[in-house]
Amino acid sequence: MIQGTEHAFCVTDLAVRLRRHFRNDPTRAVYSDVKIKWGSPGLKEPAPDIAVIPDIRDRDRPRQAFHVPVDGTGPSLVIEVVSPYQDGDETDKVEIYRRAGVAEYLIVKTFEPLRVVNYSIQGYRLVEGGYRPLRPDARGRLRSFTTGLDFATAPGHRGVVIVDAATGEPLLDAHALEQRWRREAEQRKQAEQAQKQAEQVRKQAEQRQNQADVRAEGLPGACGSSVSTPTRARTAAPTSRQVEVADGACARDTALRPCTDSASVVSVQRKPTARARNSWIVGLRYR
């Protein structure tokens, strides 16, 4: 079957948006070009462009085909994209999906007058065993009860417009999704860089504070300082008279006991002066 490039774009775009919309619902699958085996003798088994299947088990399991009798469920919405070169989607497949019990069937048409691609959409809903055409609302949208989505086309818009009926928010197309993912990735990258820079600034501040604390602890008289001023620096230097008396006293006592006074030890170790010896002799004379 001949299919143009616009057919491929539209099918891919629909599959991407619908899968993303139902990504948090593990019981709902969106398949593209997967053969549906109805389990009904004589009923043709096409591979729809888009098939939305509810109440499914093992949604992400690889499949060559979907077996309705085995899984106990079937498509609730089928979408076929019709190119100018395709036939049968508006006639034969309508009967196939009606007999298979597909609740809703949408047909998206693409045509290219004067090299400008335009889209149109029509749909059917299964009512009492027969298909009835869907009527667009005032905004030109077709409501899908099985998915809670509105489908439409717009002049100059490539692809199908899909809107969440509950929130009124449109489902972004593949191009818009790619741009959004890129923006989100760039924002995450910038946030990570900002976090790293903030962590670096915090570490530098801690290092500066630690260095300041170390310097403060090393200052004399600082609170909590373990460094004390040397004893000799706090003790006043002895006068010459104190040295003479100390020398004489230490000389008298050396024969009786060792001298333990630090100042006297310093004086005894050096040779006594003549004046100091005379002072000692005078002291003995007046005893």
C-alpha atoms as a PDB file:
ATOM      1  CA  MET A   1       0.000   0.000   0.000  1.00  0.00           C
ATOM      2  CA  ILE A   2       1.387   3.399  -1.018  1.00  0.00           C
ATOM      3  CA  GLN A   3       1.679   5.890   1.825  1.00  0.00           C
ATOM      4  CA  GLY A   4       3.037   9.417   1.639  1.00  0.00           C
ATOM      5  CA  THR A   5       5.355  11.233   4.012  1.00  0.00           C
ATOM      6  CA  GLU A   6       2.473  13.143   5.566  1.00  0.00           C
ATOM      7  CA  HIS A   7       0.798   9.889   6.529  1.00  0.00           C
ATOM      8  CA  ALA A   8       3.942   8.772   8.372  1.00  0.00           C
ATOM      9  CA  PHE A   9       4.264  12.123  10.133  1.00  0.00           C
ATOM     10  CA  CYS A  10       0.650  12.167  11.298  1.00  0.00           C
ATOM     11  CA  VAL A  11       0.681   8.565  12.593  1.00  0.00           C
ATOM     12  CA  THR A  12       3.943   9.108  14.501  1.00  0.00           C
ATOM     13  CA  ASP A  13       2.684  12.386  15.935  1.00  0.00           C
ATOM     14  CA  LEU A  14      -0.562  10.804  17.150  1.00  0.00           C
ATOM     15  CA  ALA A  15       1.248   7.837  18.717  1.00  0.00           C
ATOM     16  CA  VAL A  16       3.760  10.029  20.581  1.00  0.00           C
ATOM     17  CA  ARG A  17       1.145  12.341  22.059  1.00  0.00           C
ATOM     18  CA  LEU A  18      -1.325   9.633  23.039  1.00  0.00           C
ATOM     19  CA  ARG A  19       1.360   7.467  24.651  1.00  0.00           C
ATOM     20  CA  ARG A  20       2.642  10.389  26.634  1.00  0.00           C
ATOM     21  CA  HIS A  21      -0.896  11.280  27.736  1.00  0.00           C
ATOM     22  CA  PHE A  22      -1.551   7.736  29.022  1.00  0.00           C
ATOM     23  CA  ARG A  23       2.003   7.093  30.291  1.00  0.00           C
ATOM     24  CA  ASN A  24       0.848   6.965  33.943  1.00  0.00           C
ATOM     25  CA  ASP A  25      -1.983   4.522  33.218  1.00  0.00           C
ATOM     26  CA  PRO A  26      -0.446   1.027  33.012  1.00  0.00           C
ATOM     27  CA  THR A  27      -3.809  -0.478  32.011  1.00  0.00           C
ATOM     28  CA  ARG A  28      -4.106   1.505  28.780  1.00  0.00           C
ATOM     29  CA  ALA A  29      -1.958   0.838  25.706  1.00  0.00           C
ATOM     30  CA  VAL A  30      -1.451   2.799  22.495  1.00  0.00           C
ATOM     31  CA  TYR A  31      -0.303   0.601  19.601  1.00  0.00           C
ATOM     32  CA  SER A  32       0.659   1.632  16.098  1.00  0.00           C
ATOM     33  CA  ASP A  33       0.615  -0.747  13.132  1.00  0.00           C
ATOM     34  CA  VAL A  34       0.024  -3.839  15.300  1.00  0.00           C
ATOM     35  CA  LYS A  35      -2.190  -6.563  13.828  1.00  0.00           C
ATOM     36  CA  ILE A  36      -5.409  -7.115  15.786  1.00  0.00           C
ATOM     37  CA  LYS A  37      -6.624 -10.719  15.902  1.00  0.00           C
ATOM     38  CA  TRP A  38     -10.297 -10.595  16.757  1.00  0.00           C
ATOM     39  CA  GLY A  39     -10.797 -14.313  17.150  1.00  0.00           C
ATOM     40  CA  SER A  40     -13.813 -14.099  14.873  1.00  0.00           C
ATOM     41  CA  PRO A  41     -13.787 -16.427  11.839  1.00  0.00           C
ATOM     42  CA  GLY A  42     -14.047 -14.638   8.523  1.00  0.00           C
ATOM     43  CA  LEU A  43     -13.346 -11.169   9.959  1.00  0.00           C
ATOM     44  CA  LYS A  44     -10.356  -9.424   8.454  1.00  0.00           C
ATOM     45  CA  GLU A  45      -7.523  -8.538  10.841  1.00  0.00           C
ATOM     46  CA  PRO A  46      -5.989  -5.173   9.900  1.00  0.00           C
ATOM     47  CA  ALA A  47      -3.154  -3.369  11.664  1.00  0.00           C
ATOM     48  CA  PRO A  48      -4.637   0.037  12.580  1.00  0.00           C
ATOM     49  CA  ASP A  49      -2.507   3.170  12.415  1.00  0.00           C
ATOM     50  CA  ILE A  50      -3.516   3.866  16.037  1.00  0.00           C
ATOM     51  CA  ALA A  51      -5.304   1.535  18.450  1.00  0.00           C
ATOM     52  CA  VAL A  52      -6.075   2.545  22.055  1.00  0.00           C
ATOM     53  CA  ILE A  53      -6.717  -0.527  24.207  1.00  0.00           C
ATOM     54  CA  PRO A  54      -8.001  -0.293  27.812  1.00  0.00           C
ATOM     55  CA  ASP A  55      -7.854  -2.848  30.637  1.00  0.00           C
ATOM     56  CA  ILE A  56      -4.687  -4.428  29.254  1.00  0.00           C
ATOM     57  CA  ARG A  57      -2.210  -6.623  31.078  1.00  0.00           C
ATOM     58  CA  ASP A  58       1.546  -6.340  30.492  1.00  0.00           C
ATOM     59  CA  ARG A  59       1.207  -3.147  28.482  1.00  0.00           C
ATOM     60  CA  ASP A  60       4.914  -2.847  27.677  1.00  0.00           C
ATOM     61  CA  ARG A  61       5.447  -6.474  26.664  1.00  0.00           C
ATOM     62  CA  PRO A  62       6.675  -6.776  23.052  1.00  0.00           C
ATOM     63  CA  ARG A  63       3.964  -8.095  20.744  1.00  0.00           C
ATOM     64  CA  GLN A  64       3.845  -9.232  17.139  1.00  0.00           C
ATOM     65  CA  ALA A  65       0.050  -9.064  17.282  1.00  0.00           C
ATOM     66  CA  PHE A  66      -2.690  -8.398  19.793  1.00  0.00           C
ATOM     67  CA  HIS A  67      -5.015 -11.327  20.493  1.00  0.00           C
ATOM     68  CA  VAL A  68      -8.383 -10.122  21.727  1.00  0.00           C
ATOM     69  CA  PRO A  69      -9.615 -13.507  23.052  1.00  0.00           C
ATOM     70  CA  VAL A  70      -6.342 -14.136  24.933  1.00  0.00           C
ATOM     71  CA  ASP A  71      -6.113 -10.713  26.589  1.00  0.00           C
ATOM     72  CA  GLY A  72      -9.845 -10.436  27.192  1.00  0.00           C
ATOM     73  CA  THR A  73     -10.033  -6.877  25.878  1.00  0.00           C
ATOM     74  CA  GLY A  74      -9.917  -5.041  22.559  1.00  0.00           C
ATOM     75  CA  PRO A  75      -9.489  -1.579  21.075  1.00  0.00           C
ATOM     76  CA  SER A  76     -11.900   1.064  22.311  1.00  0.00           C
ATOM     77  CA  LEU A  77     -10.634   3.653  19.806  1.00  0.00           C
ATOM     78  CA  VAL A  78      -9.095   3.132  16.374  1.00  0.00           C
ATOM     79  CA  ILE A  79      -7.656   5.936  14.243  1.00  0.00           C
ATOM     80  CA  GLU A  80      -6.789   5.509  10.578  1.00  0.00           C
ATOM     81  CA  VAL A  81      -4.881   8.180   8.670  1.00  0.00           C
ATOM     82  CA  VAL A  82      -6.005   8.262   5.036  1.00  0.00           C
ATOM     83  CA  SER A  83      -3.628   9.533   2.383  1.00  0.00           C
ATOM     84  CA  PRO A  84      -4.716  10.451  -1.149  1.00  0.00           C
ATOM     85  CA  TYR A  85      -3.365   7.097  -2.335  1.00  0.00           C
ATOM     86  CA  GLN A  86      -5.343   4.863   0.060  1.00  0.00           C
ATOM     87  CA  ASP A  87      -8.724   3.280  -0.450  1.00  0.00           C
ATOM     88  CA  GLY A  88     -10.974   1.242   1.807  1.00  0.00           C
ATOM     89  CA  ASP A  89     -10.501   3.018   5.158  1.00  0.00           C
ATOM     90  CA  GLU A  90     -13.774   4.883   4.717  1.00  0.00           C
ATOM     91  CA  THR A  91     -15.722   1.847   3.552  1.00  0.00           C
ATOM     92  CA  ASP A  92     -14.278  -1.604   4.231  1.00  0.00           C
ATOM     93  CA  LYS A  93     -12.673  -0.820   7.590  1.00  0.00           C
ATOM     94  CA  VAL A  94     -15.790   0.865   8.897  1.00  0.00           C
ATOM     95  CA  GLU A  95     -17.578  -2.458   8.582  1.00  0.00           C
ATOM     96  CA  ILE A  96     -14.644  -4.406  10.040  1.00  0.00           C
ATOM     97  CA  TYR A  97     -14.410  -2.278  13.158  1.00  0.00           C
ATOM     98  CA  ARG A  98     -18.192  -2.242  13.571  1.00  0.00           C
ATOM     99  CA  ARG A  99     -18.376  -6.017  13.508  1.00  0.00           C
ATOM    100  CA  ALA A 100     -15.367  -6.241  15.871  1.00  0.00           C
ATOM    101  CA  GLY A 101     -17.197  -4.027  18.384  1.00  0.00           C
ATOM    102  CA  VAL A 102     -14.740  -1.086  18.374  1.00  0.00           C
ATOM    103  CA  ALA A 103     -16.556   1.658  20.293  1.00  0.00           C
ATOM    104  CA  GLU A 104     -15.116   4.621  18.363  1.00  0.00           C
ATOM    105  CA  TYR A 105     -13.485   4.973  14.969  1.00  0.00           C
ATOM    106  CA  LEU A 106     -11.809   8.166  13.682  1.00  0.00           C
ATOM    107  CA  ILE A 107     -10.627   8.819  10.143  1.00  0.00           C
ATOM    108  CA  VAL A 108      -8.030  11.545   9.519  1.00  0.00           C
ATOM    109  CA  LYS A 109      -7.714  12.706   5.906  1.00  0.00           C
ATOM    110  CA  THR A 110      -4.701  14.444   4.424  1.00  0.00           C
ATOM    111  CA  PHE A 111      -4.685  16.180   1.075  1.00  0.00           C
ATOM    112  CA  GLU A 112      -2.270  18.549  -0.599  1.00  0.00           C
ATOM    113  CA  PRO A 113      -3.865  21.097  -2.914  1.00  0.00           C
ATOM    114  CA  LEU A 114      -1.265  23.482  -4.353  1.00  0.00           C
ATOM    115  CA  ARG A 115       1.461  21.864  -2.214  1.00  0.00           C
ATOM    116  CA  VAL A 116      -0.252  22.940   1.006  1.00  0.00           C
ATOM    117  CA  VAL A 117      -1.106  20.087   3.367  1.00  0.00           C
ATOM    118  CA  ASN A 118      -4.587  20.205   4.877  1.00  0.00           C
ATOM    119  CA  TYR A 119      -6.289  17.887   7.321  1.00  0.00           C
ATOM    120  CA  SER A 120      -9.864  16.889   8.020  1.00  0.00           C
ATOM    121  CA  ILE A 121     -11.370  14.449  10.510  1.00  0.00           C
ATOM    122  CA  GLN A 122     -14.564  12.442  10.814  1.00  0.00           C
ATOM    123  CA  GLY A 123     -15.670   9.793  13.274  1.00  0.00           C
ATOM    124  CA  TYR A 124     -18.133   7.095  14.233  1.00  0.00           C
ATOM    125  CA  ARG A 125     -19.494   5.826  17.534  1.00  0.00           C
ATOM    126  CA  LEU A 126     -20.944   2.371  18.072  1.00  0.00           C
ATOM    127  CA  VAL A 127     -24.566   2.634  19.186  1.00  0.00           C
ATOM    128  CA  GLU A 128     -26.757  -0.460  19.514  1.00  0.00           C
ATOM    129  CA  GLY A 129     -24.506  -2.486  17.235  1.00  0.00           C
ATOM    130  CA  GLY A 130     -24.267   0.136  14.475  1.00  0.00           C
ATOM    131  CA  TYR A 131     -21.969   3.065  13.730  1.00  0.00           C
ATOM    132  CA  ARG A 132     -23.357   6.580  13.905  1.00  0.00           C
ATOM    133  CA  PRO A 133     -21.401   9.590  12.651  1.00  0.00           C
ATOM    134  CA  LEU A 134     -19.955  11.886  15.321  1.00  0.00           C
ATOM    135  CA  ARG A 135     -21.104  15.478  15.196  1.00  0.00           C
ATOM    136  CA  PRO A 136     -18.502  18.171  15.952  1.00  0.00           C
ATOM    137  CA  ASP A 137     -19.237  20.688  18.681  1.00  0.00           C
ATOM    138  CA  ALA A 138     -19.280  24.473  18.222  1.00  0.00           C
ATOM    139  CA  ARG A 139     -15.463  24.499  18.116  1.00  0.00           C
ATOM    140  CA  GLY A 140     -15.333  21.784  15.476  1.00  0.00           C
ATOM    141  CA  ARG A 141     -14.128  19.088  17.893  1.00  0.00           C
ATOM    142  CA  LEU A 142     -15.121  15.434  18.031  1.00  0.00           C
ATOM    143  CA  ARG A 143     -15.473  14.074  21.569  1.00  0.00           C
ATOM    144  CA  SER A 144     -14.085  10.616  22.332  1.00  0.00           C
ATOM    145  CA  PHE A 145     -15.916   9.237  25.366  1.00  0.00           C
ATOM    146  CA  THR A 146     -13.576   6.253  25.669  1.00  0.00           C
ATOM    147  CA  THR A 147     -10.456   8.414  26.077  1.00  0.00           C
ATOM    148  CA  GLY A 148     -11.821  11.715  27.402  1.00  0.00           C
ATOM    149  CA  LEU A 149     -10.140  13.583  24.534  1.00  0.00           C
ATOM    150  CA  ASP A 150     -11.363  15.984  21.868  1.00  0.00           C
ATOM    151  CA  PHE A 151     -10.010  15.646  18.306  1.00  0.00           C
ATOM    152  CA  ALA A 152     -10.081  18.334  15.623  1.00  0.00           C
ATOM    153  CA  THR A 153      -8.155  19.930  12.780  1.00  0.00           C
ATOM    154  CA  ALA A 154      -7.304  23.575  12.233  1.00  0.00           C
ATOM    155  CA  PRO A 155      -6.382  25.572   9.102  1.00  0.00           C
ATOM    156  CA  GLY A 156      -2.630  25.871   8.749  1.00  0.00           C
ATOM    157  CA  HIS A 157      -2.004  23.372  11.544  1.00  0.00           C
ATOM    158  CA  ARG A 158      -0.041  20.294  10.616  1.00  0.00           C
ATOM    159  CA  GLY A 159      -1.514  17.188  12.189  1.00  0.00           C
ATOM    160  CA  VAL A 160      -4.465  16.673  14.507  1.00  0.00           C
ATOM    161  CA  VAL A 161      -5.407  18.961  17.385  1.00  0.00           C
ATOM    162  CA  ILE A 162      -5.964  16.920  20.573  1.00  0.00           C
ATOM    163  CA  VAL A 163      -7.369  18.507  23.742  1.00  0.00           C
ATOM    164  CA  ASP A 164      -7.924  17.011  27.184  1.00  0.00           C
ATOM    165  CA  ALA A 165     -11.683  17.397  27.658  1.00  0.00           C
ATOM    166  CA  ALA A 166     -11.362  17.522  31.466  1.00  0.00           C
ATOM    167  CA  THR A 167      -8.699  20.241  31.681  1.00  0.00           C
ATOM    168  CA  GLY A 168      -8.977  21.996  28.331  1.00  0.00           C
ATOM    169  CA  GLU A 169      -5.214  21.609  27.896  1.00  0.00           C
ATOM    170  CA  PRO A 170      -3.962  20.614  24.432  1.00  0.00           C
ATOM    171  CA  LEU A 171      -1.705  17.617  24.005  1.00  0.00           C
ATOM    172  CA  LEU A 172       1.584  18.969  22.672  1.00  0.00           C
ATOM    173  CA  ASP A 173       2.696  17.684  19.296  1.00  0.00           C
ATOM    174  CA  ALA A 174       6.019  15.928  18.744  1.00  0.00           C
ATOM    175  CA  HIS A 175       7.885  19.113  17.797  1.00  0.00           C
ATOM    176  CA  ALA A 176       6.572  21.036  20.789  1.00  0.00           C
ATOM    177  CA  LEU A 177       7.348  18.097  23.084  1.00  0.00           C
ATOM    178  CA  GLU A 178      10.934  17.980  21.817  1.00  0.00           C
ATOM    179  CA  GLN A 179      11.363  21.696  22.444  1.00  0.00           C
ATOM    180  CA  ARG A 180       9.875  21.312  25.920  1.00  0.00           C
ATOM    181  CA  TRP A 181      12.183  18.398  26.764  1.00  0.00           C
ATOM    182  CA  ARG A 182      15.172  20.456  25.625  1.00  0.00           C
ATOM    183  CA  ARG A 183      14.116  23.413  27.787  1.00  0.00           C
ATOM    184  CA  GLU A 184      13.605  21.142  30.789  1.00  0.00           C
ATOM    185  CA  ALA A 185      17.012  19.525  30.243  1.00  0.00           C
ATOM    186  CA  GLU A 186      18.662  22.959  30.025  1.00  0.00           C
ATOM    187  CA  GLN A 187      16.882  24.094  33.187  1.00  0.00           C
ATOM    188  CA  ARG A 188      18.056  20.985  35.049  1.00  0.00           C
ATOM    189  CA  LYS A 189      21.611  21.604  33.854  1.00  0.00           C
ATOM    190  CA  GLN A 190      21.530  25.231  35.019  1.00  0.00           C
ATOM    191  CA  ALA A 191      20.078  24.212  38.387  1.00  0.00           C
ATOM    192  CA  GLU A 192      22.846  21.640  38.884  1.00  0.00           C
ATOM    193  CA  GLN A 193      25.517  24.220  38.013  1.00  0.00           C
ATOM    194  CA  ALA A 194      23.999  26.740  40.425  1.00  0.00           C
ATOM    195  CA  GLN A 195      23.949  24.117  43.176  1.00  0.00           C
ATOM    196  CA  LYS A 196      27.614  23.271  42.573  1.00  0.00           C
ATOM    197  CA  GLN A 197      28.584  26.953  42.673  1.00  0.00           C
ATOM    198  CA  ALA A 198      26.653  27.482  45.911  1.00  0.00           C
ATOM    199  CA  GLU A 199      28.396  24.475  47.457  1.00  0.00           C
ATOM    200  CA  GLN A 200      31.787  25.822  46.390  1.00  0.00           C
ATOM    201  CA  VAL A 201      31.040  29.239  47.914  1.00  0.00           C
ATOM    202  CA  ARG A 202      29.936  27.574  51.152  1.00  0.00           C
ATOM    203  CA  LYS A 203      33.157  25.530  51.396  1.00  0.00           C
ATOM    204  CA  GLN A 204      35.291  28.625  50.757  1.00  0.00           C
ATOM    205  CA  ALA A 205      33.447  30.497  53.504  1.00  0.00           C
ATOM    206  CA  GLU A 206      34.040  27.622  55.926  1.00  0.00           C
ATOM    207  CA  GLN A 207      37.757  27.588  55.096  1.00  0.00           C
ATOM    208  CA  ARG A 208      38.061  31.331  55.699  1.00  0.00           C
ATOM    209  CA  GLN A 209      36.238  31.004  59.015  1.00  0.00           C
ATOM    210  CA  ASN A 210      38.489  28.129  60.111  1.00  0.00           C
ATOM    211  CA  GLN A 211      41.607  30.135  59.262  1.00  0.00           C
ATOM    212  CA  ALA A 212      40.285  33.116  61.214  1.00  0.00           C
ATOM    213  CA  ASP A 213      39.593  30.886  64.239  1.00  0.00           C
ATOM    214  CA  VAL A 214      43.139  29.494  64.137  1.00  0.00           C
ATOM    215  CA  ARG A 215      44.666  32.977  64.039  1.00  0.00           C
ATOM    216  CA  ALA A 216      42.460  34.118  66.929  1.00  0.00           C
ATOM    217  CA  GLU A 217      43.525  31.162  69.088  1.00  0.00           C
ATOM    218  CA  GLY A 218      47.225  31.985  68.550  1.00  0.00           C
ATOM    219  CA  LEU A 219      47.025  35.595  69.879  1.00  0.00           C
ATOM    220  CA  PRO A 220      48.390  36.265  73.493  1.00  0.00           C
ATOM    221  CA  GLY A 221      45.605  36.818  76.003  1.00  0.00           C
ATOM    222  CA  ALA A 222      42.948  35.537  73.620  1.00  0.00           C
ATOM    223  CA  CYS A 223      40.071  33.700  75.195  1.00  0.00           C
ATOM    224  CA  GLY A 224      40.811  30.004  75.295  1.00  0.00           C
ATOM    225  CA  SER A 225      44.446  30.486  74.224  1.00  0.00           C
ATOM    226  CA  SER A 226      46.834  27.751  75.343  1.00  0.00           C
ATOM    227  CA  VAL A 227      49.946  29.827  74.613  1.00  0.00           C
ATOM    228  CA  SER A 228      51.349  31.566  77.727  1.00  0.00           C
ATOM    229  CA  THR A 229      53.907  34.334  78.037  1.00  0.00           C
ATOM    230  CA  PRO A 230      57.359  32.994  79.047  1.00  0.00           C
ATOM    231  CA  THR A 231      58.136  33.268  82.775  1.00  0.00           C
ATOM    232  CA  ARG A 232      61.360  35.199  82.256  1.00  0.00           C
ATOM    233  CA  ALA A 233      59.527  37.776  80.102  1.00  0.00           C
ATOM    234  CA  ARG A 234      57.063  38.454  82.931  1.00  0.00           C
ATOM    235  CA  THR A 235      59.779  38.565  85.680  1.00  0.00           C
ATOM    236  CA  ALA A 236      61.593  41.858  86.247  1.00  0.00           C
ATOM    237  CA  ALA A 237      65.394  41.756  85.753  1.00  0.00           C
ATOM    238  CA  PRO A 238      67.362  41.673  89.085  1.00  0.00           C
ATOM    239  CA  THR A 239      69.383  44.731  90.129  1.00  0.00           C
ATOM    240  CA  SER A 240      73.167  44.636  90.648  1.00  0.00           C
ATOM    241  CA  ARG A 241      72.710  44.692  94.444  1.00  0.00           C
ATOM    242  CA  GLN A 242      70.384  41.675  94.295  1.00  0.00           C
ATOM    243  CA  VAL A 243      72.983  39.841  92.269  1.00  0.00           C
ATOM    244  CA  GLU A 244      75.719  40.599  94.804  1.00  0.00           C
ATOM    245  CA  VAL A 245      73.662  39.447  97.780  1.00  0.00           C
ATOM    246  CA  ALA A 246      72.527  36.359  95.944  1.00  0.00           C
ATOM    247  CA  ASP A 247      76.112  35.521  95.010  1.00  0.00           C
ATOM    248  CA  GLY A 248      77.256  35.868  98.596  1.00  0.00           C
ATOM    249  CA  ALA A 249      74.407  33.864 100.049  1.00  0.00           C
ATOM    250  CA  CYS A 250      74.844  31.104  97.558  1.00  0.00           C
ATOM    251  CA  ALA A 251      78.597  30.985  98.253  1.00  0.00           C
ATOM    252  CA  ARG A 252      77.961  30.556 102.005  1.00  0.00           C
ATOM    253  CA  ASP A 253      75.394  27.828 101.551  1.00  0.00           C
ATOM    254  CA  THR A 254      77.112  25.838  98.834  1.00  0.00           C
ATOM    255  CA  ALA A 255      79.223  23.884 101.295  1.00  0.00           C
ATOM    256  CA  LEU A 256      76.165  22.930 103.349  1.00  0.00           C
ATOM    257  CA  ARG A 257      73.477  22.212 100.655  1.00  0.00           C
ATOM    258  CA  PRO A 258      72.986  22.480  96.917  1.00  0.00           C
ATOM    259  CA  CYS A 259      71.614  25.765  95.703  1.00  0.00           C
ATOM    260  CA  THR A 260      68.173  25.357  94.121  1.00  0.00           C
ATOM    261  CA  ASP A 261      67.298  29.004  93.517  1.00  0.00           C
ATOM    262  CA  SER A 262      67.236  29.644  89.795  1.00  0.00           C
ATOM    263  CA  ALA A 263      68.693  33.120  90.090  1.00  0.00           C
ATOM    264  CA  SER A 264      71.463  31.890  92.431  1.00  0.00           C
ATOM    265  CA  VAL A 265      72.337  29.041  90.091  1.00  0.00           C
ATOM    266  CA  VAL A 266      72.881  31.529  87.333  1.00  0.00           C
ATOM    267  CA  SER A 267      75.135  33.621  89.622  1.00  0.00           C
ATOM    268  CA  VAL A 268      77.181  30.662  91.002  1.00  0.00           C
ATOM    269  CA  GLN A 269      77.924  29.290  87.583  1.00  0.00           C
ATOM    270  CA  ARG A 270      79.842  32.431  86.637  1.00  0.00           C
ATOM    271  CA  LYS A 271      83.065  33.467  88.477  1.00  0.00           C
ATOM    272  CA  PRO A 272      82.356  35.760  91.515  1.00  0.00           C
ATOM    273  CA  THR A 273      83.683  39.270  91.257  1.00  0.00           C
ATOM    274  CA  ALA A 274      86.220  40.739  93.715  1.00  0.00           C
ATOM    275  CA  ARG A 275      83.540  43.005  95.161  1.00  0.00           C
ATOM    276  CA  ALA A 276      81.349  40.015  95.865  1.00  0.00           C
ATOM    277  CA  ARG A 277      84.219  38.207  97.687  1.00  0.00           C
ATOM    278  CA  ASN A 278      84.872  41.275  99.820  1.00  0.00           C
ATOM    279  CA  SER A 279      81.210  41.473 100.757  1.00  0.00           C
ATOM    280  CA  TRP A 280      81.364  37.864 101.901  1.00  0.00           C
ATOM    281  CA  ILE A 281      84.497  38.495 104.011  1.00  0.00           C
ATOM    282  CA  VAL A 282      82.888  41.547 105.627  1.00  0.00           C
ATOM    283  CA  GLY A 283      79.899  39.453 106.519  1.00  0.00           C
ATOM    284  CA  LEU A 284      82.062  36.895 108.273  1.00  0.00           C
ATOM    285  CA  ARG A 285      83.932  39.566 110.251  1.00  0.00           C
ATOM    286  CA  TYR A 286      80.764  40.950 111.799  1.00  0.00           C
ATOM    287  CA  ARG A 287      79.291  37.613 112.759  1.00  0.00           C
END
